[in-house]
Amino acid sequence: MIHPGGLFKGDLEEPCIFCPGCKDTHVLPWKRGGWTFNGDTLKPTFMPSFRLYQDSVKGSGLCHFILTDGVINFCTDSTHPLAGKSVPLPEFPDETGDT
């Protein structure tokens, strides 16, 4: 289990992040999908982009983003209010439990 800076939950094989656009967690299955990770747990960079379809109690839709140097760059095809915007990767809020 990792908890560096409160940015990730889980482990580095499939870390979870809190998405401020979806207001939910996302698992980043980077080792299974051919992504690269810079290894920096404080300013992570994953390439290429993640395109995640949400279907949960918090809603459904698309979250498409590039995580670069600890900043989430939301693509314009995301279906939440932060589409097209860039925001720092936030720490997990208190109410989000460990994964």
PDB file of N, CA and C in Angstrom:
ATOM      1  N   MET A   1       0.846  -1.199   0.000  1.00  0.00           N
ATOM      2  CA  MET A   1       0.000   0.000   0.000  1.00  0.00           C
ATOM      3  C   MET A   1       0.880   1.247   0.000  1.00  0.00           C
ATOM      4  N   ILE A   2       0.455   2.248  -0.735  1.00  0.00           N
ATOM      5  CA  ILE A   2       1.184   3.510  -0.765  1.00  0.00           C
ATOM      6  C   ILE A   2       0.250   4.654  -0.403  1.00  0.00           C
ATOM      7  N   HIS A   3       0.796   5.633   0.196  1.00  0.00           N
ATOM      8  CA  HIS A   3       0.036   6.841   0.517  1.00  0.00           C
ATOM      9  C   HIS A   3       0.952   8.064   0.414  1.00  0.00           C
ATOM     10  N   PRO A   4       1.754   8.165  -0.660  1.00  0.00           N
ATOM     11  CA  PRO A   4       2.676   9.297  -0.750  1.00  0.00           C
ATOM     12  C   PRO A   4       1.941  10.603  -0.984  1.00  0.00           C
ATOM     13  N   GLY A   5       2.051  11.489  -0.031  1.00  0.00           N
ATOM     14  CA  GLY A   5       1.432  12.804  -0.184  1.00  0.00           C
ATOM     15  C   GLY A   5      -0.076  12.753  -0.282  1.00  0.00           C
ATOM     16  N   GLY A   6      -0.684  11.592  -0.066  1.00  0.00           N
ATOM     17  CA  GLY A   6      -2.122  11.470  -0.154  1.00  0.00           C
ATOM     18  C   GLY A   6      -2.658  11.511  -1.575  1.00  0.00           C
ATOM     19  N   LEU A   7      -1.772  11.430  -2.610  1.00  0.00           N
ATOM     20  CA  LEU A   7      -2.213  11.514  -3.996  1.00  0.00           C
ATOM     21  C   LEU A   7      -2.684  10.169  -4.538  1.00  0.00           C
ATOM     22  N   PHE A   8      -2.080   9.087  -4.079  1.00  0.00           N
ATOM     23  CA  PHE A   8      -2.413   7.743  -4.532  1.00  0.00           C
ATOM     24  C   PHE A   8      -2.957   6.905  -3.391  1.00  0.00           C
ATOM     25  N   LYS A   9      -3.802   5.973  -3.734  1.00  0.00           N
ATOM     26  CA  LYS A   9      -4.216   4.908  -2.812  1.00  0.00           C
ATOM     27  C   LYS A   9      -3.902   3.600  -3.525  1.00  0.00           C
ATOM     28  N   GLY A  10      -3.809   2.528  -2.793  1.00  0.00           N
ATOM     29  CA  GLY A  10      -3.531   1.238  -3.400  1.00  0.00           C
ATOM     30  C   GLY A  10      -2.040   1.007  -3.516  1.00  0.00           C
ATOM     31  N   ASP A  11      -1.591   0.508  -4.675  1.00  0.00           N
ATOM     32  CA  ASP A  11      -0.167   0.273  -4.883  1.00  0.00           C
ATOM     33  C   ASP A  11       0.241   0.819  -6.246  1.00  0.00           C
ATOM     34  N   LEU A  12       1.523   0.797  -6.520  1.00  0.00           N
ATOM     35  CA  LEU A  12       2.004   1.383  -7.765  1.00  0.00           C
ATOM     36  C   LEU A  12       1.720   0.519  -8.983  1.00  0.00           C
ATOM     37  N   GLU A  13       1.268  -0.715  -8.796  1.00  0.00           N
ATOM     38  CA  GLU A  13       0.869  -1.548  -9.928  1.00  0.00           C
ATOM     39  C   GLU A  13      -0.417  -0.993 -10.560  1.00  0.00           C
ATOM     40  N   GLU A  14      -1.374  -0.627  -9.721  1.00  0.00           N
ATOM     41  CA  GLU A  14      -2.653  -0.049 -10.168  1.00  0.00           C
ATOM     42  C   GLU A  14      -3.096   0.998  -9.162  1.00  0.00           C
ATOM     43  N   PRO A  15      -2.431   2.147  -9.147  1.00  0.00           N
ATOM     44  CA  PRO A  15      -2.793   3.165  -8.162  1.00  0.00           C
ATOM     45  C   PRO A  15      -4.168   3.757  -8.444  1.00  0.00           C
ATOM     46  N   CYS A  16      -4.793   4.249  -7.400  1.00  0.00           N
ATOM     47  CA  CYS A  16      -6.062   4.967  -7.513  1.00  0.00           C
ATOM     48  C   CYS A  16      -5.780   6.441  -7.253  1.00  0.00           C
ATOM     49  N   ILE A  17      -6.468   7.284  -8.003  1.00  0.00           N
ATOM     50  CA  ILE A  17      -6.406   8.726  -7.771  1.00  0.00           C
ATOM     51  C   ILE A  17      -7.826   9.214  -7.517  1.00  0.00           C
ATOM     52  N   PHE A  18      -7.935  10.366  -6.875  1.00  0.00           N
ATOM     53  CA  PHE A  18      -9.234  11.010  -6.732  1.00  0.00           C
ATOM     54  C   PHE A  18      -9.370  12.002  -7.873  1.00  0.00           C
ATOM     55  N   CYS A  19     -10.457  11.877  -8.635  1.00  0.00           N
ATOM     56  CA  CYS A  19     -10.701  12.752  -9.774  1.00  0.00           C
ATOM     57  C   CYS A  19     -11.640  13.886  -9.360  1.00  0.00           C
ATOM     58  N   PRO A  20     -11.175  15.135  -9.421  1.00  0.00           N
ATOM     59  CA  PRO A  20     -12.038  16.252  -9.050  1.00  0.00           C
ATOM     60  C   PRO A  20     -13.134  16.537 -10.081  1.00  0.00           C
ATOM     61  N   GLY A  21     -12.975  16.037 -11.297  1.00  0.00           N
ATOM     62  CA  GLY A  21     -14.015  16.215 -12.315  1.00  0.00           C
ATOM     63  C   GLY A  21     -15.190  15.288 -12.070  1.00  0.00           C
ATOM     64  N   CYS A  22     -14.897  14.017 -11.807  1.00  0.00           N
ATOM     65  CA  CYS A  22     -15.945  13.012 -11.553  1.00  0.00           C
ATOM     66  C   CYS A  22     -16.343  12.959 -10.082  1.00  0.00           C
ATOM     67  N   LYS A  23     -15.503  13.536  -9.226  1.00  0.00           N
ATOM     68  CA  LYS A  23     -15.692  13.462  -7.776  1.00  0.00           C
ATOM     69  C   LYS A  23     -15.777  12.001  -7.334  1.00  0.00           C
ATOM     70  N   ASP A  24     -14.857  11.210  -7.877  1.00  0.00           N
ATOM     71  CA  ASP A  24     -14.813   9.773  -7.634  1.00  0.00           C
ATOM     72  C   ASP A  24     -13.373   9.304  -7.824  1.00  0.00           C
ATOM     73  N   THR A  25     -13.115   8.058  -7.479  1.00  0.00           N
ATOM     74  CA  THR A  25     -11.784   7.503  -7.668  1.00  0.00           C
ATOM     75  C   THR A  25     -11.666   6.852  -9.043  1.00  0.00           C
ATOM     76  N   HIS A  26     -10.445   6.849  -9.566  1.00  0.00           N
ATOM     77  CA  HIS A  26     -10.119   6.156 -10.810  1.00  0.00           C
ATOM     78  C   HIS A  26      -8.930   5.251 -10.543  1.00  0.00           C
ATOM     79  N   VAL A  27      -9.023   4.014 -11.001  1.00  0.00           N
ATOM     80  CA  VAL A  27      -7.884   3.101 -10.987  1.00  0.00           C
ATOM     81  C   VAL A  27      -7.110   3.343 -12.281  1.00  0.00           C
ATOM     82  N   LEU A  28      -5.793   3.451 -12.152  1.00  0.00           N
ATOM     83  CA  LEU A  28      -4.941   3.657 -13.316  1.00  0.00           C
ATOM     84  C   LEU A  28      -4.183   2.358 -13.598  1.00  0.00           C
ATOM     85  N   PRO A  29      -4.714   1.512 -14.480  1.00  0.00           N
ATOM     86  CA  PRO A  29      -4.099   0.203 -14.737  1.00  0.00           C
ATOM     87  C   PRO A  29      -2.918   0.304 -15.714  1.00  0.00           C
ATOM     88  N   TRP A  30      -1.965   1.154 -15.398  1.00  0.00           N
ATOM     89  CA  TRP A  30      -0.921   1.519 -16.341  1.00  0.00           C
ATOM     90  C   TRP A  30      -0.047   0.347 -16.774  1.00  0.00           C
ATOM     91  N   LYS A  31       0.184  -0.615 -15.905  1.00  0.00           N
ATOM     92  CA  LYS A  31       1.042  -1.747 -16.292  1.00  0.00           C
ATOM     93  C   LYS A  31       0.329  -2.695 -17.247  1.00  0.00           C
ATOM     94  N   ARG A  32      -0.996  -2.770 -17.169  1.00  0.00           N
ATOM     95  CA  ARG A  32      -1.757  -3.658 -18.053  1.00  0.00           C
ATOM     96  C   ARG A  32      -2.005  -3.044 -19.418  1.00  0.00           C
ATOM     97  N   GLY A  33      -2.015  -1.739 -19.504  1.00  0.00           N
ATOM     98  CA  GLY A  33      -2.464  -1.095 -20.732  1.00  0.00           C
ATOM     99  C   GLY A  33      -1.395  -0.481 -21.613  1.00  0.00           C
ATOM    100  N   GLY A  34      -0.126  -0.645 -21.281  1.00  0.00           N
ATOM    101  CA  GLY A  34       0.916  -0.091 -22.121  1.00  0.00           C
ATOM    102  C   GLY A  34       1.267   1.358 -21.843  1.00  0.00           C
ATOM    103  N   TRP A  35       0.828   1.900 -20.706  1.00  0.00           N
ATOM    104  CA  TRP A  35       1.184   3.266 -20.339  1.00  0.00           C
ATOM    105  C   TRP A  35       2.582   3.287 -19.735  1.00  0.00           C
ATOM    106  N   THR A  36       3.165   4.449 -19.690  1.00  0.00           N
ATOM    107  CA  THR A  36       4.430   4.628 -18.985  1.00  0.00           C
ATOM    108  C   THR A  36       4.182   5.520 -17.776  1.00  0.00           C
ATOM    109  N   PHE A  37       5.015   5.362 -16.760  1.00  0.00           N
ATOM    110  CA  PHE A  37       4.918   6.126 -15.516  1.00  0.00           C
ATOM    111  C   PHE A  37       6.323   6.603 -15.188  1.00  0.00           C
ATOM    112  N   ASN A  38       6.449   7.887 -14.835  1.00  0.00           N
ATOM    113  CA  ASN A  38       7.763   8.443 -14.540  1.00  0.00           C
ATOM    114  C   ASN A  38       8.303   8.031 -13.181  1.00  0.00           C
ATOM    115  N   GLY A  39       7.524   7.347 -12.358  1.00  0.00           N
ATOM    116  CA  GLY A  39       7.979   6.879 -11.053  1.00  0.00           C
ATOM    117  C   GLY A  39       7.919   7.916  -9.952  1.00  0.00           C
ATOM    118  N   ASP A  40       7.527   9.130 -10.252  1.00  0.00           N
ATOM    119  CA  ASP A  40       7.458  10.212  -9.270  1.00  0.00           C
ATOM    120  C   ASP A  40       6.078  10.200  -8.621  1.00  0.00           C
ATOM    121  N   THR A  41       6.007   9.874  -7.336  1.00  0.00           N
ATOM    122  CA  THR A  41       4.718   9.793  -6.656  1.00  0.00           C
ATOM    123  C   THR A  41       4.210  11.150  -6.182  1.00  0.00           C
ATOM    124  N   LEU A  42       5.032  12.184  -6.257  1.00  0.00           N
ATOM    125  CA  LEU A  42       4.581  13.531  -5.881  1.00  0.00           C
ATOM    126  C   LEU A  42       4.169  14.358  -7.091  1.00  0.00           C
ATOM    127  N   LYS A  43       4.816  14.137  -8.236  1.00  0.00           N
ATOM    128  CA  LYS A  43       4.471  14.815  -9.494  1.00  0.00           C
ATOM    129  C   LYS A  43       4.421  13.760 -10.598  1.00  0.00           C
ATOM    130  N   PRO A  44       3.417  12.878 -10.514  1.00  0.00           N
ATOM    131  CA  PRO A  44       3.377  11.765 -11.463  1.00  0.00           C
ATOM    132  C   PRO A  44       3.039  12.192 -12.890  1.00  0.00           C
ATOM    133  N   THR A  45       3.633  11.463 -13.825  1.00  0.00           N
ATOM    134  CA  THR A  45       3.318  11.591 -15.237  1.00  0.00           C
ATOM    135  C   THR A  45       3.036  10.202 -15.774  1.00  0.00           C
ATOM    136  N   PHE A  46       1.884  10.042 -16.394  1.00  0.00           N
ATOM    137  CA  PHE A  46       1.508   8.798 -17.071  1.00  0.00           C
ATOM    138  C   PHE A  46       1.249   9.153 -18.529  1.00  0.00           C
ATOM    139  N   MET A  47       1.757   8.322 -19.424  1.00  0.00           N
ATOM    140  CA  MET A  47       1.539   8.545 -20.852  1.00  0.00           C
ATOM    141  C   MET A  47       1.131   7.242 -21.505  1.00  0.00           C
ATOM    142  N   PRO A  48       0.292   7.206 -22.483  1.00  0.00           N
ATOM    143  CA  PRO A  48      -0.505   8.316 -22.994  1.00  0.00           C
ATOM    144  C   PRO A  48      -1.678   8.615 -22.073  1.00  0.00           C
ATOM    145  N   SER A  49      -2.726   9.191 -22.609  1.00  0.00           N
ATOM    146  CA  SER A  49      -3.881   9.603 -21.807  1.00  0.00           C
ATOM    147  C   SER A  49      -4.675   8.397 -21.312  1.00  0.00           C
ATOM    148  N   PHE A  50      -5.451   8.634 -20.254  1.00  0.00           N
ATOM    149  CA  PHE A  50      -6.422   7.653 -19.761  1.00  0.00           C
ATOM    150  C   PHE A  50      -7.801   8.078 -20.240  1.00  0.00           C
ATOM    151  N   ARG A  51      -8.550   7.128 -20.755  1.00  0.00           N
ATOM    152  CA  ARG A  51      -9.931   7.383 -21.198  1.00  0.00           C
ATOM    153  C   ARG A  51     -10.802   6.391 -20.440  1.00  0.00           C
ATOM    154  N   LEU A  52     -11.477   6.878 -19.415  1.00  0.00           N
ATOM    155  CA  LEU A  52     -12.202   6.028 -18.482  1.00  0.00           C
ATOM    156  C   LEU A  52     -13.702   6.300 -18.555  1.00  0.00           C
ATOM    157  N   TYR A  53     -14.459   5.242 -18.661  1.00  0.00           N
ATOM    158  CA  TYR A  53     -15.912   5.357 -18.676  1.00  0.00           C
ATOM    159  C   TYR A  53     -16.429   5.088 -17.274  1.00  0.00           C
ATOM    160  N   GLN A  54     -17.185   6.022 -16.739  1.00  0.00           N
ATOM    161  CA  GLN A  54     -17.753   5.904 -15.402  1.00  0.00           C
ATOM    162  C   GLN A  54     -19.181   5.381 -15.493  1.00  0.00           C
ATOM    163  N   ASP A  55     -19.493   4.461 -14.646  1.00  0.00           N
ATOM    164  CA  ASP A  55     -20.864   3.991 -14.490  1.00  0.00           C
ATOM    165  C   ASP A  55     -20.992   3.557 -13.041  1.00  0.00           C
ATOM    166  N   SER A  56     -21.276   4.518 -12.201  1.00  0.00           N
ATOM    167  CA  SER A  56     -21.305   4.251 -10.765  1.00  0.00           C
ATOM    168  C   SER A  56     -22.459   5.009 -10.130  1.00  0.00           C
ATOM    169  N   VAL A  57     -22.551   4.891  -8.818  1.00  0.00           N
ATOM    170  CA  VAL A  57     -23.609   5.592  -8.097  1.00  0.00           C
ATOM    171  C   VAL A  57     -23.455   7.110  -8.202  1.00  0.00           C
ATOM    172  N   LYS A  58     -22.260   7.581  -8.550  1.00  0.00           N
ATOM    173  CA  LYS A  58     -22.038   9.016  -8.665  1.00  0.00           C
ATOM    174  C   LYS A  58     -22.345   9.537 -10.058  1.00  0.00           C
ATOM    175  N   GLY A  59     -22.762   8.656 -10.964  1.00  0.00           N
ATOM    176  CA  GLY A  59     -23.111   9.095 -12.307  1.00  0.00           C
ATOM    177  C   GLY A  59     -22.417   8.272 -13.372  1.00  0.00           C
ATOM    178  N   SER A  60     -22.671   8.636 -14.600  1.00  0.00           N
ATOM    179  CA  SER A  60     -22.013   7.939 -15.704  1.00  0.00           C
ATOM    180  C   SER A  60     -21.476   8.972 -16.673  1.00  0.00           C
ATOM    181  N   GLY A  61     -20.518   8.558 -17.460  1.00  0.00           N
ATOM    182  CA  GLY A  61     -19.945   9.469 -18.437  1.00  0.00           C
ATOM    183  C   GLY A  61     -18.527   9.086 -18.768  1.00  0.00           C
ATOM    184  N   LEU A  62     -17.841   9.990 -19.422  1.00  0.00           N
ATOM    185  CA  LEU A  62     -16.476   9.774 -19.875  1.00  0.00           C
ATOM    186  C   LEU A  62     -15.539  10.735 -19.164  1.00  0.00           C
ATOM    187  N   CYS A  63     -14.415  10.215 -18.700  1.00  0.00           N
ATOM    188  CA  CYS A  63     -13.351  11.045 -18.140  1.00  0.00           C
ATOM    189  C   CYS A  63     -12.082  10.721 -18.919  1.00  0.00           C
ATOM    190  N   HIS A  64     -11.595  11.693 -19.652  1.00  0.00           N
ATOM    191  CA  HIS A  64     -10.424  11.524 -20.505  1.00  0.00           C
ATOM    192  C   HIS A  64      -9.400  12.563 -20.071  1.00  0.00           C
ATOM    193  N   PHE A  65      -8.212  12.113 -19.685  1.00  0.00           N
ATOM    194  CA  PHE A  65      -7.219  13.051 -19.157  1.00  0.00           C
ATOM    195  C   PHE A  65      -5.804  12.564 -19.397  1.00  0.00           C
ATOM    196  N   ILE A  66      -4.885  13.523 -19.331  1.00  0.00           N
ATOM    197  CA  ILE A  66      -3.455  13.266 -19.356  1.00  0.00           C
ATOM    198  C   ILE A  66      -2.919  13.778 -18.024  1.00  0.00           C
ATOM    199  N   LEU A  67      -2.191  12.948 -17.320  1.00  0.00           N
ATOM    200  CA  LEU A  67      -1.620  13.325 -16.022  1.00  0.00           C
ATOM    201  C   LEU A  67      -0.132  13.611 -16.236  1.00  0.00           C
ATOM    202  N   THR A  68       0.248  14.890 -16.113  1.00  0.00           N
ATOM    203  CA  THR A  68       1.612  15.321 -16.392  1.00  0.00           C
ATOM    204  C   THR A  68       2.143  16.159 -15.235  1.00  0.00           C
ATOM    205  N   ASP A  69       3.241  15.733 -14.664  1.00  0.00           N
ATOM    206  CA  ASP A  69       3.903  16.455 -13.564  1.00  0.00           C
ATOM    207  C   ASP A  69       2.933  16.801 -12.441  1.00  0.00           C
ATOM    208  N   GLY A  70       2.023  15.869 -12.115  1.00  0.00           N
ATOM    209  CA  GLY A  70       1.087  16.080 -11.022  1.00  0.00           C
ATOM    210  C   GLY A  70      -0.107  16.952 -11.366  1.00  0.00           C
ATOM    211  N   VAL A  71      -0.300  17.250 -12.645  1.00  0.00           N
ATOM    212  CA  VAL A  71      -1.432  18.070 -13.088  1.00  0.00           C
ATOM    213  C   VAL A  71      -2.323  17.222 -13.986  1.00  0.00           C
ATOM    214  N   ILE A  72      -3.626  17.223 -13.683  1.00  0.00           N
ATOM    215  CA  ILE A  72      -4.591  16.523 -14.524  1.00  0.00           C
ATOM    216  C   ILE A  72      -5.043  17.489 -15.613  1.00  0.00           C
ATOM    217  N   ASN A  73      -4.766  17.117 -16.848  1.00  0.00           N
ATOM    218  CA  ASN A  73      -5.188  17.906 -18.012  1.00  0.00           C
ATOM    219  C   ASN A  73      -6.382  17.176 -18.626  1.00  0.00           C
ATOM    220  N   PHE A  74      -7.576  17.663 -18.344  1.00  0.00           N
ATOM    221  CA  PHE A  74      -8.793  17.018 -18.830  1.00  0.00           C
ATOM    222  C   PHE A  74      -9.006  17.348 -20.303  1.00  0.00           C
ATOM    223  N   CYS A  75      -9.259  16.322 -21.094  1.00  0.00           N
ATOM    224  CA  CYS A  75      -9.538  16.514 -22.520  1.00  0.00           C
ATOM    225  C   CYS A  75     -10.965  17.031 -22.695  1.00  0.00           C
ATOM    226  N   THR A  76     -11.209  17.674 -23.827  1.00  0.00           N
ATOM    227  CA  THR A  76     -12.502  18.317 -24.047  1.00  0.00           C
ATOM    228  C   THR A  76     -13.647  17.326 -24.249  1.00  0.00           C
ATOM    229  N   ASP A  77     -13.339  16.044 -24.496  1.00  0.00           N
ATOM    230  CA  ASP A  77     -14.418  15.066 -24.647  1.00  0.00           C
ATOM    231  C   ASP A  77     -14.893  14.493 -23.311  1.00  0.00           C
ATOM    232  N   SER A  78     -14.280  14.912 -22.203  1.00  0.00           N
ATOM    233  CA  SER A  78     -14.772  14.504 -20.880  1.00  0.00           C
ATOM    234  C   SER A  78     -16.173  15.064 -20.685  1.00  0.00           C
ATOM    235  N   THR A  79     -17.000  14.332 -19.949  1.00  0.00           N
ATOM    236  CA  THR A  79     -18.403  14.749 -19.797  1.00  0.00           C
ATOM    237  C   THR A  79     -18.687  15.313 -18.408  1.00  0.00           C
ATOM    238  N   HIS A  80     -17.729  16.027 -17.856  1.00  0.00           N
ATOM    239  CA  HIS A  80     -17.944  16.686 -16.564  1.00  0.00           C
ATOM    240  C   HIS A  80     -17.517  18.148 -16.660  1.00  0.00           C
ATOM    241  N   PRO A  81     -17.802  18.947 -15.648  1.00  0.00           N
ATOM    242  CA  PRO A  81     -17.549  20.390 -15.729  1.00  0.00           C
ATOM    243  C   PRO A  81     -16.079  20.793 -15.894  1.00  0.00           C
ATOM    244  N   LEU A  82     -15.121  19.894 -15.625  1.00  0.00           N
ATOM    245  CA  LEU A  82     -13.711  20.262 -15.762  1.00  0.00           C
ATOM    246  C   LEU A  82     -13.136  19.913 -17.142  1.00  0.00           C
ATOM    247  N   ALA A  83     -13.990  19.499 -18.077  1.00  0.00           N
ATOM    248  CA  ALA A  83     -13.529  19.204 -19.431  1.00  0.00           C
ATOM    249  C   ALA A  83     -12.796  20.410 -20.011  1.00  0.00           C
ATOM    250  N   GLY A  84     -11.606  20.169 -20.580  1.00  0.00           N
ATOM    251  CA  GLY A  84     -10.825  21.239 -21.173  1.00  0.00           C
ATOM    252  C   GLY A  84      -9.999  22.043 -20.187  1.00  0.00           C
ATOM    253  N   LYS A  85     -10.043  21.692 -18.912  1.00  0.00           N
ATOM    254  CA  LYS A  85      -9.316  22.443 -17.888  1.00  0.00           C
ATOM    255  C   LYS A  85      -8.162  21.607 -17.340  1.00  0.00           C
ATOM    256  N   SER A  86      -7.225  22.265 -16.681  1.00  0.00           N
ATOM    257  CA  SER A  86      -6.098  21.620 -16.019  1.00  0.00           C
ATOM    258  C   SER A  86      -6.132  21.965 -14.537  1.00  0.00           C
ATOM    259  N   VAL A  87      -5.989  20.940 -13.694  1.00  0.00           N
ATOM    260  CA  VAL A  87      -6.005  21.140 -12.249  1.00  0.00           C
ATOM    261  C   VAL A  87      -4.947  20.256 -11.605  1.00  0.00           C
ATOM    262  N   PRO A  88      -4.360  20.693 -10.493  1.00  0.00           N
ATOM    263  CA  PRO A  88      -3.406  19.838  -9.786  1.00  0.00           C
ATOM    264  C   PRO A  88      -4.095  18.560  -9.291  1.00  0.00           C
ATOM    265  N   LEU A  89      -3.372  17.447  -9.331  1.00  0.00           N
ATOM    266  CA  LEU A  89      -3.892  16.200  -8.789  1.00  0.00           C
ATOM    267  C   LEU A  89      -4.122  16.392  -7.295  1.00  0.00           C
ATOM    268  N   PRO A  90      -5.375  16.253  -6.832  1.00  0.00           N
ATOM    269  CA  PRO A  90      -5.657  16.524  -5.420  1.00  0.00           C
ATOM    270  C   PRO A  90      -5.360  15.317  -4.533  1.00  0.00           C
ATOM    271  N   GLU A  91      -5.215  15.611  -3.253  1.00  0.00           N
ATOM    272  CA  GLU A  91      -5.164  14.533  -2.269  1.00  0.00           C
ATOM    273  C   GLU A  91      -6.561  13.953  -2.148  1.00  0.00           C
ATOM    274  N   PHE A  92      -6.643  12.738  -1.601  1.00  0.00           N
ATOM    275  CA  PHE A  92      -7.950  12.132  -1.366  1.00  0.00           C
ATOM    276  C   PHE A  92      -8.684  12.886  -0.273  1.00  0.00           C
ATOM    277  N   PRO A  93      -9.972  13.182  -0.478  1.00  0.00           N
ATOM    278  CA  PRO A  93     -10.746  13.795   0.603  1.00  0.00           C
ATOM    279  C   PRO A  93     -10.923  12.798   1.739  1.00  0.00           C
ATOM    280  N   ASP A  94     -11.192  13.297   2.929  1.00  0.00           N
ATOM    281  CA  ASP A  94     -11.327  12.449   4.108  1.00  0.00           C
ATOM    282  C   ASP A  94     -12.362  11.354   3.948  1.00  0.00           C
ATOM    283  N   GLU A  95     -13.457  11.645   3.231  1.00  0.00           N
ATOM    284  CA  GLU A  95     -14.535  10.669   3.124  1.00  0.00           C
ATOM    285  C   GLU A  95     -14.253   9.536   2.143  1.00  0.00           C
ATOM    286  N   THR A  96     -13.167   9.623   1.369  1.00  0.00           N
ATOM    287  CA  THR A  96     -12.823   8.558   0.433  1.00  0.00           C
ATOM    288  C   THR A  96     -11.982   7.528   1.172  1.00  0.00           C
ATOM    289  N   GLY A  97     -12.466   6.305   1.198  1.00  0.00           N
ATOM    290  CA  GLY A  97     -11.773   5.244   1.921  1.00  0.00           C
ATOM    291  C   GLY A  97     -10.630   4.664   1.123  1.00  0.00           C
ATOM    292  N   ASP A  98      -9.801   3.895   1.802  1.00  0.00           N
ATOM    293  CA  ASP A  98      -8.697   3.195   1.149  1.00  0.00           C
ATOM    294  C   ASP A  98      -9.234   2.186   0.161  1.00  0.00           C
ATOM    295  N   THR A  99      -8.446   1.942  -0.852  1.00  0.00           N
ATOM    296  CA  THR A  99      -8.804   0.956  -1.853  1.00  0.00           C
ATOM    297  C   THR A  99      -8.033  -0.300  -1.603  1.00  0.00           C
TER     298      THR A  99
END
